[in-house]
Amino acid sequence: YEKGRLGAGASEALAREARYKFLRKVKENYGADAIITAHHQ
């Protein structure tokens, strides 16, 4: 888990960039094969 401090006015792009930065850091720490997300049709 990680908590960002983007604030209520943060853009969607900024939120997405911060989220994937965190996910890739966790992936590196665990030596994982990939990140899995729940994006749907």
PDB file of all heavy atoms in Angstrom:
ATOM      1  N   TYR A   1       0.840  -1.200   0.000  1.00  0.00           N
ATOM      2  CA  TYR A   1       0.000   0.000   0.000  1.00  0.00           C
ATOM      3  C   TYR A   1       0.875   1.249   0.000  1.00  0.00           C
ATOM      4  O   TYR A   1       1.971   1.255   0.563  1.00  0.00           O
ATOM      5  CB  TYR A   1      -0.889  -0.034   1.250  1.00  0.00           C
ATOM      6  CG  TYR A   1      -1.391   1.302   1.727  1.00  0.00           C
ATOM      7  CD1 TYR A   1      -2.428   1.946   1.063  1.00  0.00           C
ATOM      8  CD2 TYR A   1      -0.835   1.918   2.853  1.00  0.00           C
ATOM      9  CE1 TYR A   1      -2.895   3.180   1.504  1.00  0.00           C
ATOM     10  CE2 TYR A   1      -1.297   3.131   3.304  1.00  0.00           C
ATOM     11  CZ  TYR A   1      -2.338   3.768   2.627  1.00  0.00           C
ATOM     12  OH  TYR A   1      -2.786   4.979   3.063  1.00  0.00           O
ATOM     13  N   GLU A   2       0.387   2.253  -0.673  1.00  0.00           N
ATOM     14  CA  GLU A   2       1.076   3.551  -0.618  1.00  0.00           C
ATOM     15  C   GLU A   2       0.028   4.658  -0.715  1.00  0.00           C
ATOM     16  O   GLU A   2      -0.963   4.534  -1.442  1.00  0.00           O
ATOM     17  CB  GLU A   2       2.058   3.694  -1.785  1.00  0.00           C
ATOM     18  CG  GLU A   2       2.859   4.993  -1.741  1.00  0.00           C
ATOM     19  CD  GLU A   2       3.940   5.042  -2.804  1.00  0.00           C
ATOM     20  OE1 GLU A   2       4.882   4.221  -2.731  1.00  0.00           O
ATOM     21  OE2 GLU A   2       3.824   5.889  -3.720  1.00  0.00           O
ATOM     22  N   LYS A   3       0.261   5.727   0.036  1.00  0.00           N
ATOM     23  CA  LYS A   3      -0.663   6.862  -0.009  1.00  0.00           C
ATOM     24  C   LYS A   3       0.002   8.044  -0.677  1.00  0.00           C
ATOM     25  O   LYS A   3       1.070   8.503  -0.273  1.00  0.00           O
ATOM     26  CB  LYS A   3      -1.120   7.256   1.399  1.00  0.00           C
ATOM     27  CG  LYS A   3      -2.052   8.465   1.367  1.00  0.00           C
ATOM     28  CD  LYS A   3      -2.812   8.664   2.661  1.00  0.00           C
ATOM     29  CE  LYS A   3      -3.784   9.826   2.506  1.00  0.00           C
ATOM     30  NZ  LYS A   3      -4.676   9.978   3.650  1.00  0.00           N
ATOM     31  N   GLY A   4      -0.635   8.524  -1.743  1.00  0.00           N
ATOM     32  CA  GLY A   4      -0.174   9.736  -2.406  1.00  0.00           C
ATOM     33  C   GLY A   4      -0.856  10.944  -1.781  1.00  0.00           C
ATOM     34  O   GLY A   4      -1.783  10.802  -0.972  1.00  0.00           O
ATOM     35  N   ARG A   5      -0.418  12.107  -2.145  1.00  0.00           N
ATOM     36  CA  ARG A   5      -1.035  13.332  -1.622  1.00  0.00           C
ATOM     37  C   ARG A   5      -1.335  14.264  -2.799  1.00  0.00           C
ATOM     38  O   ARG A   5      -0.866  15.402  -2.854  1.00  0.00           O
ATOM     39  CB  ARG A   5      -0.102  14.008  -0.609  1.00  0.00           C
ATOM     40  CG  ARG A   5       0.266  13.070   0.548  1.00  0.00           C
ATOM     41  CD  ARG A   5       1.080  13.758   1.622  1.00  0.00           C
ATOM     42  NE  ARG A   5       1.501  12.824   2.653  1.00  0.00           N
ATOM     43  CZ  ARG A   5       0.726  12.411   3.644  1.00  0.00           C
ATOM     44  NH1 ARG A   5      -0.506  12.850   3.742  1.00  0.00           N
ATOM     45  NH2 ARG A   5       1.199  11.555   4.537  1.00  0.00           N
ATOM     46  N   LEU A   6      -2.135  13.753  -3.732  1.00  0.00           N
ATOM     47  CA  LEU A   6      -2.407  14.501  -4.967  1.00  0.00           C
ATOM     48  C   LEU A   6      -3.409  15.633  -4.752  1.00  0.00           C
ATOM     49  O   LEU A   6      -3.384  16.622  -5.479  1.00  0.00           O
ATOM     50  CB  LEU A   6      -2.923  13.541  -6.044  1.00  0.00           C
ATOM     51  CG  LEU A   6      -2.015  12.350  -6.385  1.00  0.00           C
ATOM     52  CD1 LEU A   6      -2.599  11.556  -7.535  1.00  0.00           C
ATOM     53  CD2 LEU A   6      -0.604  12.816  -6.721  1.00  0.00           C
ATOM     54  N   GLY A   7      -4.314  15.456  -3.812  1.00  0.00           N
ATOM     55  CA  GLY A   7      -5.296  16.504  -3.552  1.00  0.00           C
ATOM     56  C   GLY A   7      -6.518  16.388  -4.447  1.00  0.00           C
ATOM     57  O   GLY A   7      -6.497  15.734  -5.497  1.00  0.00           O
ATOM     58  N   ALA A   8      -7.608  17.039  -4.035  1.00  0.00           N
ATOM     59  CA  ALA A   8      -8.889  16.915  -4.729  1.00  0.00           C
ATOM     60  C   ALA A   8      -8.854  17.413  -6.166  1.00  0.00           C
ATOM     61  O   ALA A   8      -9.649  16.986  -6.995  1.00  0.00           O
ATOM     62  CB  ALA A   8      -9.963  17.662  -3.939  1.00  0.00           C
ATOM     63  N   GLY A   9      -7.952  18.327  -6.481  1.00  0.00           N
ATOM     64  CA  GLY A   9      -7.917  18.894  -7.827  1.00  0.00           C
ATOM     65  C   GLY A   9      -7.023  18.152  -8.797  1.00  0.00           C
ATOM     66  O   GLY A   9      -6.822  18.597  -9.933  1.00  0.00           O
ATOM     67  N   ALA A  10      -6.492  17.010  -8.397  1.00  0.00           N
ATOM     68  CA  ALA A  10      -5.561  16.272  -9.248  1.00  0.00           C
ATOM     69  C   ALA A  10      -6.243  15.785 -10.522  1.00  0.00           C
ATOM     70  O   ALA A  10      -7.399  15.373 -10.511  1.00  0.00           O
ATOM     71  CB  ALA A  10      -4.992  15.076  -8.489  1.00  0.00           C
ATOM     72  N   SER A  11      -5.518  15.835 -11.628  1.00  0.00           N
ATOM     73  CA  SER A  11      -6.055  15.388 -12.915  1.00  0.00           C
ATOM     74  C   SER A  11      -6.038  13.866 -12.993  1.00  0.00           C
ATOM     75  O   SER A  11      -5.317  13.195 -12.257  1.00  0.00           O
ATOM     76  CB  SER A  11      -5.232  15.967 -14.066  1.00  0.00           C
ATOM     77  OG  SER A  11      -3.929  15.404 -14.074  1.00  0.00           O
ATOM     78  N   GLU A  12      -6.836  13.331 -13.928  1.00  0.00           N
ATOM     79  CA  GLU A  12      -6.852  11.887 -14.142  1.00  0.00           C
ATOM     80  C   GLU A  12      -5.478  11.396 -14.581  1.00  0.00           C
ATOM     81  O   GLU A  12      -5.025  10.319 -14.179  1.00  0.00           O
ATOM     82  CB  GLU A  12      -7.896  11.537 -15.204  1.00  0.00           C
ATOM     83  CG  GLU A  12      -9.331  11.809 -14.775  1.00  0.00           C
ATOM     84  CD  GLU A  12     -10.314  11.589 -15.902  1.00  0.00           C
ATOM     85  OE1 GLU A  12     -10.573  10.422 -16.246  1.00  0.00           O
ATOM     86  OE2 GLU A  12     -10.812  12.583 -16.449  1.00  0.00           O
ATOM     87  N   ALA A  13      -4.814  12.175 -15.428  1.00  0.00           N
ATOM     88  CA  ALA A  13      -3.500  11.784 -15.945  1.00  0.00           C
ATOM     89  C   ALA A  13      -2.468  11.705 -14.820  1.00  0.00           C
ATOM     90  O   ALA A  13      -1.668  10.768 -14.755  1.00  0.00           O
ATOM     91  CB  ALA A  13      -3.037  12.767 -17.014  1.00  0.00           C
ATOM     92  N   LEU A  14      -2.494  12.685 -13.910  1.00  0.00           N
ATOM     93  CA  LEU A  14      -1.558  12.696 -12.796  1.00  0.00           C
ATOM     94  C   LEU A  14      -1.815  11.516 -11.865  1.00  0.00           C
ATOM     95  O   LEU A  14      -0.878  10.854 -11.392  1.00  0.00           O
ATOM     96  CB  LEU A  14      -1.678  14.013 -12.016  1.00  0.00           C
ATOM     97  CG  LEU A  14      -0.727  14.207 -10.827  1.00  0.00           C
ATOM     98  CD1 LEU A  14       0.723  14.165 -11.290  1.00  0.00           C
ATOM     99  CD2 LEU A  14      -1.023  15.518 -10.101  1.00  0.00           C
ATOM    100  N   ALA A  15      -3.079  11.232 -11.608  1.00  0.00           N
ATOM    101  CA  ALA A  15      -3.434  10.110 -10.741  1.00  0.00           C
ATOM    102  C   ALA A  15      -2.977   8.788 -11.356  1.00  0.00           C
ATOM    103  O   ALA A  15      -2.435   7.922 -10.665  1.00  0.00           O
ATOM    104  CB  ALA A  15      -4.950  10.088 -10.517  1.00  0.00           C
ATOM    105  N   ARG A  16      -3.173   8.641 -12.664  1.00  0.00           N
ATOM    106  CA  ARG A  16      -2.772   7.410 -13.347  1.00  0.00           C
ATOM    107  C   ARG A  16      -1.258   7.241 -13.311  1.00  0.00           C
ATOM    108  O   ARG A  16      -0.743   6.150 -13.050  1.00  0.00           O
ATOM    109  CB  ARG A  16      -3.264   7.448 -14.792  1.00  0.00           C
ATOM    110  CG  ARG A  16      -2.947   6.193 -15.597  1.00  0.00           C
ATOM    111  CD  ARG A  16      -3.646   6.194 -16.943  1.00  0.00           C
ATOM    112  NE  ARG A  16      -3.341   7.374 -17.736  1.00  0.00           N
ATOM    113  CZ  ARG A  16      -4.171   8.377 -17.969  1.00  0.00           C
ATOM    114  NH1 ARG A  16      -5.385   8.355 -17.462  1.00  0.00           N
ATOM    115  NH2 ARG A  16      -3.820   9.419 -18.706  1.00  0.00           N
ATOM    116  N   GLU A  17      -0.533   8.320 -13.553  1.00  0.00           N
ATOM    117  CA  GLU A  17       0.930   8.257 -13.552  1.00  0.00           C
ATOM    118  C   GLU A  17       1.459   7.860 -12.178  1.00  0.00           C
ATOM    119  O   GLU A  17       2.368   7.022 -12.066  1.00  0.00           O
ATOM    120  CB  GLU A  17       1.506   9.609 -13.969  1.00  0.00           C
ATOM    121  CG  GLU A  17       3.008   9.618 -14.093  1.00  0.00           C
ATOM    122  CD  GLU A  17       3.545  10.937 -14.628  1.00  0.00           C
ATOM    123  OE1 GLU A  17       2.752  11.780 -15.080  1.00  0.00           O
ATOM    124  OE2 GLU A  17       4.770  11.130 -14.577  1.00  0.00           O
ATOM    125  N   ALA A  18       0.882   8.430 -11.113  1.00  0.00           N
ATOM    126  CA  ALA A  18       1.315   8.106  -9.752  1.00  0.00           C
ATOM    127  C   ALA A  18       0.989   6.652  -9.410  1.00  0.00           C
ATOM    128  O   ALA A  18       1.790   5.957  -8.777  1.00  0.00           O
ATOM    129  CB  ALA A  18       0.637   9.048  -8.758  1.00  0.00           C
ATOM    130  N   ARG A  19      -0.175   6.186  -9.844  1.00  0.00           N
ATOM    131  CA  ARG A  19      -0.592   4.815  -9.552  1.00  0.00           C
ATOM    132  C   ARG A  19       0.337   3.800 -10.208  1.00  0.00           C
ATOM    133  O   ARG A  19       0.784   2.842  -9.558  1.00  0.00           O
ATOM    134  CB  ARG A  19      -2.027   4.603 -10.034  1.00  0.00           C
ATOM    135  CG  ARG A  19      -2.586   3.223  -9.768  1.00  0.00           C
ATOM    136  CD  ARG A  19      -4.077   3.167 -10.019  1.00  0.00           C
ATOM    137  NE  ARG A  19      -4.462   3.412 -11.407  1.00  0.00           N
ATOM    138  CZ  ARG A  19      -5.018   4.538 -11.850  1.00  0.00           C
ATOM    139  NH1 ARG A  19      -5.266   5.537 -11.019  1.00  0.00           N
ATOM    140  NH2 ARG A  19      -5.356   4.679 -13.120  1.00  0.00           N
ATOM    141  N   TYR A  20       0.648   4.005 -11.481  1.00  0.00           N
ATOM    142  CA  TYR A  20       1.503   3.042 -12.183  1.00  0.00           C
ATOM    143  C   TYR A  20       2.954   3.117 -11.706  1.00  0.00           C
ATOM    144  O   TYR A  20       3.669   2.107 -11.747  1.00  0.00           O
ATOM    145  CB  TYR A  20       1.407   3.235 -13.696  1.00  0.00           C
ATOM    146  CG  TYR A  20       0.182   2.563 -14.271  1.00  0.00           C
ATOM    147  CD1 TYR A  20      -0.924   3.304 -14.654  1.00  0.00           C
ATOM    148  CD2 TYR A  20       0.131   1.185 -14.397  1.00  0.00           C
ATOM    149  CE1 TYR A  20      -2.052   2.690 -15.156  1.00  0.00           C
ATOM    150  CE2 TYR A  20      -0.996   0.552 -14.903  1.00  0.00           C
ATOM    151  CZ  TYR A  20      -2.088   1.314 -15.287  1.00  0.00           C
ATOM    152  OH  TYR A  20      -3.203   0.693 -15.778  1.00  0.00           O
ATOM    153  N   LYS A  21       3.377   4.258 -11.261  1.00  0.00           N
ATOM    154  CA  LYS A  21       4.713   4.363 -10.682  1.00  0.00           C
ATOM    155  C   LYS A  21       4.804   3.484  -9.439  1.00  0.00           C
ATOM    156  O   LYS A  21       5.797   2.763  -9.234  1.00  0.00           O
ATOM    157  CB  LYS A  21       5.019   5.823 -10.322  1.00  0.00           C
ATOM    158  CG  LYS A  21       6.411   6.028  -9.745  1.00  0.00           C
ATOM    159  CD  LYS A  21       6.658   7.498  -9.428  1.00  0.00           C
ATOM    160  CE  LYS A  21       8.047   7.705  -8.841  1.00  0.00           C
ATOM    161  NZ  LYS A  21       8.293   9.145  -8.500  1.00  0.00           N
ATOM    162  N   PHE A  22       3.773   3.527  -8.605  1.00  0.00           N
ATOM    163  CA  PHE A  22       3.720   2.681  -7.406  1.00  0.00           C
ATOM    164  C   PHE A  22       3.664   1.209  -7.784  1.00  0.00           C
ATOM    165  O   PHE A  22       4.403   0.377  -7.230  1.00  0.00           O
ATOM    166  CB  PHE A  22       2.487   3.066  -6.581  1.00  0.00           C
ATOM    167  CG  PHE A  22       2.037   2.001  -5.622  1.00  0.00           C
ATOM    168  CD1 PHE A  22       2.795   1.679  -4.508  1.00  0.00           C
ATOM    169  CD2 PHE A  22       0.849   1.316  -5.841  1.00  0.00           C
ATOM    170  CE1 PHE A  22       2.381   0.691  -3.618  1.00  0.00           C
ATOM    171  CE2 PHE A  22       0.424   0.326  -4.967  1.00  0.00           C
ATOM    172  CZ  PHE A  22       1.192   0.007  -3.847  1.00  0.00           C
ATOM    173  N   LEU A  23       2.813   0.849  -8.728  1.00  0.00           N
ATOM    174  CA  LEU A  23       2.658  -0.554  -9.119  1.00  0.00           C
ATOM    175  C   LEU A  23       3.954  -1.121  -9.687  1.00  0.00           C
ATOM    176  O   LEU A  23       4.328  -2.269  -9.399  1.00  0.00           O
ATOM    177  CB  LEU A  23       1.531  -0.691 -10.148  1.00  0.00           C
ATOM    178  CG  LEU A  23       0.115  -0.431  -9.620  1.00  0.00           C
ATOM    179  CD1 LEU A  23      -0.885  -0.400 -10.768  1.00  0.00           C
ATOM    180  CD2 LEU A  23      -0.296  -1.478  -8.590  1.00  0.00           C
ATOM    181  N   ARG A  24       4.657  -0.325 -10.486  1.00  0.00           N
ATOM    182  CA  ARG A  24       5.915  -0.812 -11.063  1.00  0.00           C
ATOM    183  C   ARG A  24       6.994  -0.956  -9.978  1.00  0.00           C
ATOM    184  O   ARG A  24       7.843  -1.838 -10.062  1.00  0.00           O
ATOM    185  CB  ARG A  24       6.369   0.125 -12.180  1.00  0.00           C
ATOM    186  CG  ARG A  24       5.510  -0.014 -13.436  1.00  0.00           C
ATOM    187  CD  ARG A  24       6.132   0.681 -14.643  1.00  0.00           C
ATOM    188  NE  ARG A  24       5.443   0.295 -15.856  1.00  0.00           N
ATOM    189  CZ  ARG A  24       4.468   0.999 -16.439  1.00  0.00           C
ATOM    190  NH1 ARG A  24       4.086   2.147 -15.904  1.00  0.00           N
ATOM    191  NH2 ARG A  24       3.883   0.566 -17.541  1.00  0.00           N
ATOM    192  N   LYS A  25       6.938  -0.108  -8.967  1.00  0.00           N
ATOM    193  CA  LYS A  25       7.889  -0.225  -7.861  1.00  0.00           C
ATOM    194  C   LYS A  25       7.638  -1.526  -7.093  1.00  0.00           C
ATOM    195  O   LYS A  25       8.596  -2.241  -6.748  1.00  0.00           O
ATOM    196  CB  LYS A  25       7.750   0.981  -6.924  1.00  0.00           C
ATOM    197  CG  LYS A  25       8.726   0.945  -5.747  1.00  0.00           C
ATOM    198  CD  LYS A  25       8.655   2.235  -4.942  1.00  0.00           C
ATOM    199  CE  LYS A  25       7.325   2.379  -4.240  1.00  0.00           C
ATOM    200  NZ  LYS A  25       7.281   3.574  -3.353  1.00  0.00           N
ATOM    201  N   VAL A  26       6.375  -1.844  -6.854  1.00  0.00           N
ATOM    202  CA  VAL A  26       6.039  -3.088  -6.162  1.00  0.00           C
ATOM    203  C   VAL A  26       6.450  -4.293  -7.016  1.00  0.00           C
ATOM    204  O   VAL A  26       6.989  -5.277  -6.507  1.00  0.00           O
ATOM    205  CB  VAL A  26       4.522  -3.148  -5.850  1.00  0.00           C
ATOM    206  CG1 VAL A  26       4.166  -4.494  -5.215  1.00  0.00           C
ATOM    207  CG2 VAL A  26       4.129  -2.015  -4.913  1.00  0.00           C
ATOM    208  N   LYS A  27       6.213  -4.208  -8.313  1.00  0.00           N
ATOM    209  CA  LYS A  27       6.603  -5.289  -9.234  1.00  0.00           C
ATOM    210  C   LYS A  27       8.108  -5.541  -9.153  1.00  0.00           C
ATOM    211  O   LYS A  27       8.563  -6.690  -9.088  1.00  0.00           O
ATOM    212  CB  LYS A  27       6.214  -4.922 -10.663  1.00  0.00           C
ATOM    213  CG  LYS A  27       6.717  -5.907 -11.722  1.00  0.00           C
ATOM    214  CD  LYS A  27       6.319  -5.447 -13.109  1.00  0.00           C
ATOM    215  CE  LYS A  27       6.931  -6.337 -14.188  1.00  0.00           C
ATOM    216  NZ  LYS A  27       8.381  -6.191 -14.290  1.00  0.00           N
ATOM    217  N   GLU A  28       8.885  -4.464  -9.140  1.00  0.00           N
ATOM    218  CA  GLU A  28      10.341  -4.601  -9.064  1.00  0.00           C
ATOM    219  C   GLU A  28      10.762  -5.209  -7.730  1.00  0.00           C
ATOM    220  O   GLU A  28      11.642  -6.078  -7.675  1.00  0.00           O
ATOM    221  CB  GLU A  28      10.996  -3.231  -9.258  1.00  0.00           C
ATOM    222  CG  GLU A  28      12.507  -3.273  -9.241  1.00  0.00           C
ATOM    223  CD  GLU A  28      13.128  -1.908  -9.482  1.00  0.00           C
ATOM    224  OE1 GLU A  28      12.392  -0.955  -9.830  1.00  0.00           O
ATOM    225  OE2 GLU A  28      14.354  -1.782  -9.318  1.00  0.00           O
ATOM    226  N   ASN A  29      10.139  -4.763  -6.657  1.00  0.00           N
ATOM    227  CA  ASN A  29      10.494  -5.265  -5.323  1.00  0.00           C
ATOM    228  C   ASN A  29      10.261  -6.764  -5.175  1.00  0.00           C
ATOM    229  O   ASN A  29      11.007  -7.461  -4.495  1.00  0.00           O
ATOM    230  CB  ASN A  29       9.708  -4.512  -4.252  1.00  0.00           C
ATOM    231  CG  ASN A  29      10.153  -3.069  -4.092  1.00  0.00           C
ATOM    232  OD1 ASN A  29      11.232  -2.694  -4.553  1.00  0.00           O
ATOM    233  ND2 ASN A  29       9.329  -2.256  -3.454  1.00  0.00           N
ATOM    234  N   TYR A  30       9.204  -7.256  -5.818  1.00  0.00           N
ATOM    235  CA  TYR A  30       8.863  -8.678  -5.703  1.00  0.00           C
ATOM    236  C   TYR A  30       9.448  -9.508  -6.846  1.00  0.00           C
ATOM    237  O   TYR A  30       9.296 -10.731  -6.841  1.00  0.00           O
ATOM    238  CB  TYR A  30       7.343  -8.856  -5.675  1.00  0.00           C
ATOM    239  CG  TYR A  30       6.733  -8.627  -4.312  1.00  0.00           C
ATOM    240  CD1 TYR A  30       6.401  -7.339  -3.874  1.00  0.00           C
ATOM    241  CD2 TYR A  30       6.492  -9.686  -3.439  1.00  0.00           C
ATOM    242  CE1 TYR A  30       5.835  -7.119  -2.626  1.00  0.00           C
ATOM    243  CE2 TYR A  30       5.921  -9.476  -2.181  1.00  0.00           C
ATOM    244  CZ  TYR A  30       5.604  -8.188  -1.784  1.00  0.00           C
ATOM    245  OH  TYR A  30       5.046  -7.971  -0.540  1.00  0.00           O
ATOM    246  N   GLY A  31      10.069  -8.845  -7.817  1.00  0.00           N
ATOM    247  CA  GLY A  31      10.569  -9.574  -8.973  1.00  0.00           C
ATOM    248  C   GLY A  31       9.436 -10.244  -9.734  1.00  0.00           C
ATOM    249  O   GLY A  31       9.583 -11.354 -10.268  1.00  0.00           O
ATOM    250  N   ALA A  32       8.282  -9.582  -9.790  1.00  0.00           N
ATOM    251  CA  ALA A  32       7.083 -10.159 -10.406  1.00  0.00           C
ATOM    252  C   ALA A  32       7.174 -10.163 -11.924  1.00  0.00           C
ATOM    253  O   ALA A  32       7.931  -9.390 -12.529  1.00  0.00           O
ATOM    254  CB  ALA A  32       5.843  -9.390  -9.951  1.00  0.00           C
ATOM    255  N   ASP A  33       6.380 -11.021 -12.536  1.00  0.00           N
ATOM    256  CA  ASP A  33       6.361 -11.130 -13.989  1.00  0.00           C
ATOM    257  C   ASP A  33       5.609  -9.974 -14.636  1.00  0.00           C
ATOM    258  O   ASP A  33       5.964  -9.522 -15.731  1.00  0.00           O
ATOM    259  CB  ASP A  33       5.711 -12.451 -14.411  1.00  0.00           C
ATOM    260  CG  ASP A  33       6.514 -13.651 -13.935  1.00  0.00           C
ATOM    261  OD1 ASP A  33       7.565 -13.920 -14.531  1.00  0.00           O
ATOM    262  OD2 ASP A  33       6.102 -14.309 -12.962  1.00  0.00           O
ATOM    263  N   ALA A  34       4.537  -9.516 -13.990  1.00  0.00           N
ATOM    264  CA  ALA A  34       3.731  -8.452 -14.583  1.00  0.00           C
ATOM    265  C   ALA A  34       2.768  -7.888 -13.545  1.00  0.00           C
ATOM    266  O   ALA A  34       2.613  -8.420 -12.441  1.00  0.00           O
ATOM    267  CB  ALA A  34       2.953  -8.980 -15.794  1.00  0.00           C
ATOM    268  N   ILE A  35       2.103  -6.809 -13.950  1.00  0.00           N
ATOM    269  CA  ILE A  35       1.033  -6.185 -13.167  1.00  0.00           C
ATOM    270  C   ILE A  35      -0.283  -6.583 -13.821  1.00  0.00           C
ATOM    271  O   ILE A  35      -0.395  -6.581 -15.051  1.00  0.00           O
ATOM    272  CB  ILE A  35       1.174  -4.644 -13.185  1.00  0.00           C
ATOM    273  CG1 ILE A  35       2.491  -4.211 -12.518  1.00  0.00           C
ATOM    274  CG2 ILE A  35      -0.023  -3.975 -12.529  1.00  0.00           C
ATOM    275  CD1 ILE A  35       2.907  -2.811 -12.879  1.00  0.00           C
ATOM    276  N   ILE A  36      -1.268  -6.945 -13.037  1.00  0.00           N
ATOM    277  CA  ILE A  36      -2.590  -7.279 -13.576  1.00  0.00           C
ATOM    278  C   ILE A  36      -3.599  -6.234 -13.111  1.00  0.00           C
ATOM    279  O   ILE A  36      -3.700  -5.948 -11.913  1.00  0.00           O
ATOM    280  CB  ILE A  36      -3.053  -8.679 -13.128  1.00  0.00           C
ATOM    281  CG1 ILE A  36      -2.016  -9.736 -13.504  1.00  0.00           C
ATOM    282  CG2 ILE A  36      -4.403  -9.016 -13.754  1.00  0.00           C
ATOM    283  CD1 ILE A  36      -2.423 -11.154 -13.116  1.00  0.00           C
ATOM    284  N   THR A  37      -4.328  -5.651 -14.057  1.00  0.00           N
ATOM    285  CA  THR A  37      -5.336  -4.648 -13.723  1.00  0.00           C
ATOM    286  C   THR A  37      -6.720  -5.137 -14.132  1.00  0.00           C
ATOM    287  O   THR A  37      -6.863  -6.065 -14.931  1.00  0.00           O
ATOM    288  CB  THR A  37      -5.059  -3.296 -14.421  1.00  0.00           C
ATOM    289  OG1 THR A  37      -5.360  -3.411 -15.825  1.00  0.00           O
ATOM    290  CG2 THR A  37      -3.610  -2.875 -14.235  1.00  0.00           C
ATOM    291  N   ALA A  38      -7.752  -4.489 -13.595  1.00  0.00           N
ATOM    292  CA  ALA A  38      -9.132  -4.943 -13.790  1.00  0.00           C
ATOM    293  C   ALA A  38      -9.864  -4.176 -14.889  1.00  0.00           C
ATOM    294  O   ALA A  38     -11.099  -4.127 -14.889  1.00  0.00           O
ATOM    295  CB  ALA A  38      -9.897  -4.835 -12.469  1.00  0.00           C
ATOM    296  N   HIS A  39      -9.150  -3.582 -15.828  1.00  0.00           N
ATOM    297  CA  HIS A  39      -9.821  -2.881 -16.929  1.00  0.00           C
ATOM    298  C   HIS A  39     -10.692  -3.859 -17.715  1.00  0.00           C
ATOM    299  O   HIS A  39     -10.266  -4.974 -18.016  1.00  0.00           O
ATOM    300  CB  HIS A  39      -8.787  -2.239 -17.853  1.00  0.00           C
ATOM    301  CG  HIS A  39      -8.061  -1.106 -17.218  1.00  0.00           C
ATOM    302  ND1 HIS A  39      -6.784  -1.234 -16.717  1.00  0.00           N
ATOM    303  CD2 HIS A  39      -8.435   0.178 -16.993  1.00  0.00           C
ATOM    304  CE1 HIS A  39      -6.399  -0.060 -16.212  1.00  0.00           C
ATOM    305  NE2 HIS A  39      -7.383   0.795 -16.352  1.00  0.00           N
ATOM    306  N   HIS A  40     -11.899  -3.415 -18.052  1.00  0.00           N
ATOM    307  CA  HIS A  40     -12.853  -4.285 -18.727  1.00  0.00           C
ATOM    308  C   HIS A  40     -13.324  -3.654 -20.042  1.00  0.00           C
ATOM    309  O   HIS A  40     -12.798  -2.622 -20.466  1.00  0.00           O
ATOM    310  CB  HIS A  40     -14.038  -4.580 -17.801  1.00  0.00           C
ATOM    311  CG  HIS A  40     -14.606  -3.350 -17.146  1.00  0.00           C
ATOM    312  ND1 HIS A  40     -15.404  -2.448 -17.815  1.00  0.00           N
ATOM    313  CD2 HIS A  40     -14.453  -2.861 -15.882  1.00  0.00           C
ATOM    314  CE1 HIS A  40     -15.745  -1.469 -16.993  1.00  0.00           C
ATOM    315  NE2 HIS A  40     -15.168  -1.694 -15.811  1.00  0.00           N
ATOM    316  N   GLN A  41     -14.318  -4.283 -20.677  1.00  0.00           N
ATOM    317  CA  GLN A  41     -14.747  -3.848 -22.008  1.00  0.00           C
ATOM    318  C   GLN A  41     -15.287  -2.413 -22.017  1.00  0.00           C
ATOM    319  O   GLN A  41     -15.041  -1.654 -22.959  1.00  0.00           O
ATOM    320  CB  GLN A  41     -15.815  -4.802 -22.539  1.00  0.00           C
ATOM    321  CG  GLN A  41     -16.114  -4.645 -24.016  1.00  0.00           C
ATOM    322  CD  GLN A  41     -17.149  -5.639 -24.475  1.00  0.00           C
ATOM    323  OE1 GLN A  41     -18.353  -5.381 -24.385  1.00  0.00           O
ATOM    324  NE2 GLN A  41     -16.696  -6.793 -24.945  1.00  0.00           N
TER     325      GLN A  41
END
